Protein backbone atom coordinates (compact mmCIF):
# COMPACT_ATOMS: atom_id res chain seq x y z
CA MET A 1 -38.53 257.42 -67.34
CA SER A 2 -37.58 260.92 -66.36
CA ALA A 3 -37.97 262.40 -62.89
CA ARG A 4 -40.35 265.06 -64.21
CA GLU A 5 -42.91 262.33 -64.97
CA GLY A 6 -43.38 261.85 -61.25
CA ALA A 7 -43.55 258.85 -58.97
CA PRO A 8 -45.32 255.79 -60.36
CA VAL A 9 -47.23 255.06 -57.18
CA ILE A 10 -49.73 257.15 -55.24
CA VAL A 11 -50.88 256.56 -51.66
CA GLU A 12 -54.16 258.10 -50.49
CA ARG A 13 -55.48 258.21 -46.92
CA ALA A 14 -52.13 256.98 -45.65
CA SER A 15 -53.37 257.39 -42.08
CA GLY A 16 -56.77 255.84 -42.70
CA PRO A 17 -57.93 254.02 -39.55
CA SER A 18 -59.64 251.15 -41.39
CA GLU A 19 -58.12 247.69 -41.19
CA VAL A 20 -58.56 247.49 -44.97
CA VAL A 21 -55.69 248.44 -47.28
CA LEU A 22 -56.82 248.84 -50.89
CA VAL A 23 -54.52 248.27 -53.85
CA CYS A 24 -55.28 249.09 -57.49
CA GLU A 25 -52.47 247.80 -59.70
CA HIS A 26 -54.04 248.79 -63.04
CA ALA A 27 -55.44 252.16 -62.00
CA GLY A 28 -53.65 254.38 -64.52
CA ARG A 29 -52.83 254.47 -68.20
CA ALA A 30 -49.92 256.91 -68.35
CA ILE A 31 -47.14 256.09 -70.80
CA PRO A 32 -43.56 257.32 -70.20
CA ASP A 33 -42.48 259.97 -72.70
CA CYS A 34 -39.64 257.76 -73.91
CA LEU A 35 -42.14 255.19 -75.21
CA GLY A 36 -44.34 257.61 -77.13
CA ASP A 37 -47.57 255.86 -78.06
CA MET A 38 -45.97 252.40 -77.86
CA GLY A 39 -47.00 251.90 -81.49
CA LEU A 40 -50.68 251.77 -80.55
CA SER A 41 -53.69 253.84 -81.54
CA ALA A 42 -55.23 256.37 -79.17
CA GLU A 43 -58.31 254.14 -79.00
CA LEU A 44 -56.31 251.15 -77.76
CA LEU A 45 -54.43 253.28 -75.25
CA GLN A 46 -57.78 254.22 -73.73
CA SER A 47 -59.15 250.67 -73.79
CA HIS A 48 -59.05 247.86 -71.24
CA ILE A 49 -55.74 246.54 -72.56
CA ALA A 50 -54.02 249.63 -71.15
CA TRP A 51 -55.69 249.80 -67.73
CA ASP A 52 -58.71 248.67 -65.71
CA PRO A 53 -61.42 251.23 -66.58
CA GLY A 54 -63.44 252.29 -63.56
CA ALA A 55 -61.28 250.42 -61.06
CA LEU A 56 -59.62 253.52 -59.62
CA ALA A 57 -62.94 255.34 -59.28
CA VAL A 58 -64.40 252.40 -57.35
CA SER A 59 -61.22 252.12 -55.27
CA LYS A 60 -61.46 255.79 -54.30
CA LEU A 61 -65.10 255.44 -53.33
CA LEU A 62 -64.24 252.41 -51.21
CA SER A 63 -61.35 254.29 -49.63
CA GLU A 64 -63.73 257.09 -48.71
CA ALA A 65 -66.51 254.82 -47.47
CA LEU A 66 -64.20 252.69 -45.33
CA ASP A 67 -61.68 255.44 -44.49
CA ALA A 68 -59.06 253.06 -45.83
CA THR A 69 -55.57 253.54 -47.23
CA LEU A 70 -55.37 253.17 -51.02
CA VAL A 71 -52.21 252.43 -53.03
CA HIS A 72 -52.45 252.77 -56.81
CA GLN A 73 -50.23 252.73 -59.89
CA ARG A 74 -50.16 255.66 -62.33
CA PHE A 75 -48.63 253.95 -65.35
CA SER A 76 -50.20 251.60 -67.86
CA ARG A 77 -50.11 247.85 -67.48
CA LEU A 78 -48.76 247.80 -71.04
CA VAL A 79 -45.51 249.35 -69.82
CA TYR A 80 -45.30 246.95 -66.89
CA ASP A 81 -48.08 244.89 -65.29
CA CYS A 82 -47.58 245.42 -61.57
CA ASN A 83 -49.67 242.34 -60.79
CA ARG A 84 -46.96 240.15 -62.29
CA PRO A 85 -43.44 239.33 -61.03
CA PRO A 86 -40.49 240.31 -63.24
CA GLU A 87 -39.97 236.73 -64.38
CA ALA A 88 -43.53 236.41 -65.75
CA VAL A 89 -43.74 236.37 -69.53
CA ASP A 90 -46.77 238.67 -69.46
CA ALA A 91 -45.26 241.25 -67.10
CA ILE A 92 -44.38 243.23 -70.23
CA PRO A 93 -46.87 241.88 -72.77
CA GLU A 94 -45.90 241.60 -76.41
CA ILE A 95 -49.56 240.81 -77.14
CA SER A 96 -52.46 242.06 -75.02
CA GLU A 97 -55.66 240.11 -75.70
CA ILE A 98 -55.38 240.08 -79.54
CA HIS A 99 -53.36 243.28 -79.98
CA ALA A 100 -49.61 243.35 -80.65
CA VAL A 101 -47.70 245.91 -78.58
CA PRO A 102 -44.81 247.05 -80.81
CA ALA A 103 -42.87 248.84 -78.04
CA ASN A 104 -42.68 245.59 -76.07
CA ARG A 105 -41.49 243.39 -78.90
CA GLY A 106 -38.07 241.79 -78.57
CA LEU A 107 -36.98 243.48 -75.36
CA GLY A 108 -33.75 242.17 -73.88
CA PRO A 109 -33.04 241.43 -70.20
CA VAL A 110 -31.60 244.89 -69.52
CA ALA A 111 -34.59 246.74 -70.97
CA LYS A 112 -37.00 244.51 -69.06
CA ALA A 113 -35.08 245.03 -65.83
CA GLU A 114 -35.18 248.80 -66.33
CA ARG A 115 -38.97 248.73 -66.60
CA ALA A 116 -39.28 246.58 -63.48
CA GLU A 117 -36.97 248.91 -61.56
CA ALA A 118 -38.91 251.97 -62.70
CA LEU A 119 -42.44 250.70 -62.05
CA TYR A 120 -42.73 247.32 -60.34
CA LEU A 121 -40.21 247.75 -57.54
CA PRO A 122 -41.36 251.21 -56.35
CA PHE A 123 -44.97 250.05 -56.38
CA HIS A 124 -44.45 246.92 -54.34
CA GLU A 125 -41.90 248.53 -52.05
CA ARG A 126 -44.52 251.16 -51.21
CA ILE A 127 -47.08 248.47 -50.43
CA ASP A 128 -44.47 246.79 -48.22
CA ALA A 129 -43.87 250.09 -46.43
CA VAL A 130 -47.60 250.68 -45.87
CA LEU A 131 -48.05 247.18 -44.46
CA ASP A 132 -44.89 247.33 -42.35
CA GLU A 133 -46.08 250.58 -40.76
CA ARG A 134 -49.21 248.72 -39.64
CA LEU A 135 -47.43 245.98 -37.71
CA GLY A 136 -49.49 245.12 -34.67
CA ARG A 137 -52.73 246.32 -36.31
CA GLU A 138 -55.39 244.17 -37.92
CA THR A 139 -54.87 244.50 -41.67
CA VAL A 140 -56.86 243.18 -44.61
CA LEU A 141 -55.50 243.46 -48.16
CA VAL A 142 -58.09 244.05 -50.90
CA THR A 143 -57.11 244.52 -54.53
CA ILE A 144 -59.54 246.05 -57.02
CA HIS A 145 -59.66 245.30 -60.75
CA SER A 146 -62.05 245.51 -63.68
CA PHE A 147 -62.49 243.25 -66.68
CA THR A 148 -63.94 243.58 -70.16
CA PRO A 149 -67.42 242.14 -70.89
CA VAL A 150 -66.13 240.50 -74.08
CA PHE A 151 -62.69 238.87 -74.22
CA LYS A 152 -61.33 237.37 -77.43
CA GLY A 153 -64.86 237.38 -78.80
CA GLN A 154 -66.35 235.54 -75.82
CA LYS A 155 -69.08 237.21 -73.75
CA ARG A 156 -68.65 237.10 -69.99
CA ASP A 157 -71.80 236.80 -67.89
CA VAL A 158 -70.13 237.08 -64.49
CA GLU A 159 -70.46 240.60 -63.07
CA ILE A 160 -68.23 240.54 -60.01
CA GLY A 161 -65.47 238.03 -59.37
CA ILE A 162 -64.24 237.21 -55.87
CA LEU A 163 -60.74 235.81 -56.35
CA HIS A 164 -58.48 234.14 -53.84
CA ASP A 165 -55.29 232.13 -53.71
CA ALA A 166 -54.46 229.66 -50.93
CA ASP A 167 -56.24 231.74 -48.27
CA ARG A 168 -59.96 231.65 -49.03
CA ARG A 169 -61.29 232.89 -45.68
CA LEU A 170 -62.41 236.36 -46.73
CA ALA A 171 -63.50 235.23 -50.18
CA ASP A 172 -65.77 232.58 -48.66
CA CYS A 173 -67.47 235.14 -46.45
CA LEU A 174 -67.88 237.69 -49.26
CA LEU A 175 -69.42 235.08 -51.55
CA GLU A 176 -71.86 234.03 -48.84
CA LYS A 177 -72.90 237.63 -48.13
CA ALA A 178 -73.17 238.43 -51.85
CA LYS A 179 -75.47 235.46 -52.41
CA ALA A 180 -77.70 236.62 -49.57
CA ALA A 181 -77.74 240.22 -50.81
CA GLY A 182 -78.46 239.45 -54.47
CA GLY A 183 -78.35 242.11 -57.17
CA TYR A 184 -75.17 241.01 -58.97
CA ASP A 185 -73.90 237.79 -60.52
CA VAL A 186 -70.97 237.15 -58.16
CA ARG A 187 -68.71 234.13 -58.68
CA ARG A 188 -65.59 232.56 -57.23
CA ASN A 189 -62.32 232.87 -59.17
CA GLU A 190 -63.96 234.20 -62.34
CA PRO A 191 -63.21 235.47 -64.92
CA TYR A 192 -59.67 234.61 -63.79
CA ALA A 193 -58.19 232.15 -61.31
CA PRO A 194 -54.83 231.74 -59.55
CA VAL A 195 -53.60 229.50 -62.36
CA ASP A 196 -53.75 232.59 -64.62
CA GLY A 197 -51.12 234.32 -62.48
CA VAL A 198 -53.46 237.08 -61.32
CA THR A 199 -52.92 236.71 -57.56
CA HIS A 200 -49.33 237.94 -57.50
CA THR A 201 -50.00 240.93 -55.24
CA LEU A 202 -51.83 238.70 -52.76
CA ARG A 203 -49.03 236.13 -52.89
CA ARG A 204 -46.28 238.70 -52.43
CA HIS A 205 -47.82 240.73 -49.62
CA ALA A 206 -50.75 239.02 -47.90
CA LEU A 207 -49.91 235.33 -47.76
CA PRO A 208 -46.45 235.70 -46.15
CA ARG A 209 -47.94 238.05 -43.52
CA LYS A 210 -50.98 235.80 -43.00
CA LEU A 211 -53.30 238.74 -43.71
CA LEU A 212 -56.91 238.29 -44.71
CA ASN A 213 -57.02 239.10 -48.41
CA VAL A 214 -59.09 239.07 -51.56
CA MET A 215 -58.95 240.24 -55.17
CA ILE A 216 -62.17 241.73 -56.55
CA GLU A 217 -62.84 241.87 -60.30
CA ILE A 218 -65.71 244.04 -61.61
CA ARG A 219 -67.09 243.89 -65.14
CA ASN A 220 -66.25 247.30 -66.50
CA ASP A 221 -69.58 248.05 -68.19
CA LEU A 222 -71.09 248.14 -64.69
CA ILE A 223 -68.71 250.92 -63.60
CA ALA A 224 -68.58 253.01 -66.77
CA ASP A 225 -70.20 256.02 -65.09
CA ALA A 226 -70.49 257.62 -61.67
CA ALA A 227 -73.84 255.98 -60.90
CA GLY A 228 -72.53 252.50 -61.61
CA GLN A 229 -69.31 253.14 -59.74
CA GLY A 230 -71.23 254.32 -56.70
CA ALA A 231 -73.60 251.36 -56.77
CA VAL A 232 -70.85 248.75 -57.05
CA ALA A 233 -68.64 250.47 -54.48
CA GLY A 234 -71.56 250.58 -52.06
CA PHE A 235 -72.28 246.89 -52.63
CA ILE A 236 -68.65 245.87 -52.06
CA ALA A 237 -68.26 248.14 -49.03
CA GLY A 238 -71.34 246.54 -47.52
CA LEU A 239 -70.01 243.03 -48.05
CA LEU A 240 -66.62 243.90 -46.58
CA SER A 241 -68.20 245.57 -43.56
CA GLN A 242 -70.43 242.57 -42.87
CA CYS A 243 -67.52 240.15 -43.04
CA LEU A 244 -65.06 242.23 -41.06
CA ASP A 245 -67.53 243.36 -38.42
CA GLY A 246 -68.36 239.71 -37.79
CA ARG A 247 -64.73 238.63 -37.77
CA GLN A 248 -65.55 235.20 -36.37
CA GLU A 249 -67.07 234.37 -39.77
CA VAL A 250 -63.68 234.66 -41.49
CA ALA A 251 -61.43 233.24 -38.78
């Protein structure tokens, strides 16, 4: 990557007073010039294999509603998936869902390390910096993702997934409030679970610091336009506010 392509990570509302810190690992779909089109069609580079459609829009709405800091990645998950550690086989996927990624085929250790140094390390170092600056403040880490309604030919009925790793405190509260609120099919650890390797950001940043944390997955057909994005963001903001305002419920 060249310097003119800019930093891979963006921080918005860095001084936001909210206890929530939002992270969107798959926000962007930029491809470094040196990789061209990665051997993929324009259609695939705009699809869910390249990014999480709608996730950044929802993250920005949540950031505004909560006045919360937001950290997001500019580059495509196909170049490097920032929700995976460098040793993960799917950090640089040779196949995404059912699609081969020619530019990722047969990469050696040096090439893989270069990608991690260009994208993964700056992203997670920035999250570390944001969290370290908040020492002594209540902090809650919330990561925002979207998922495709059909994966490998299988329809997914779940609409919003509340995912957690070893610390389930916030997830438990959100699931309880979502059930009471109604309106969406909200489930625990669907359509992914920790065994799928999807909780890396939570494991790296929240668990060691003992921060309340959760990963939220939204079916992307629900957030394909501004109206849907606003509705889902409002729903999630409401759940978070209920749980965090009544902190004894997630102690």
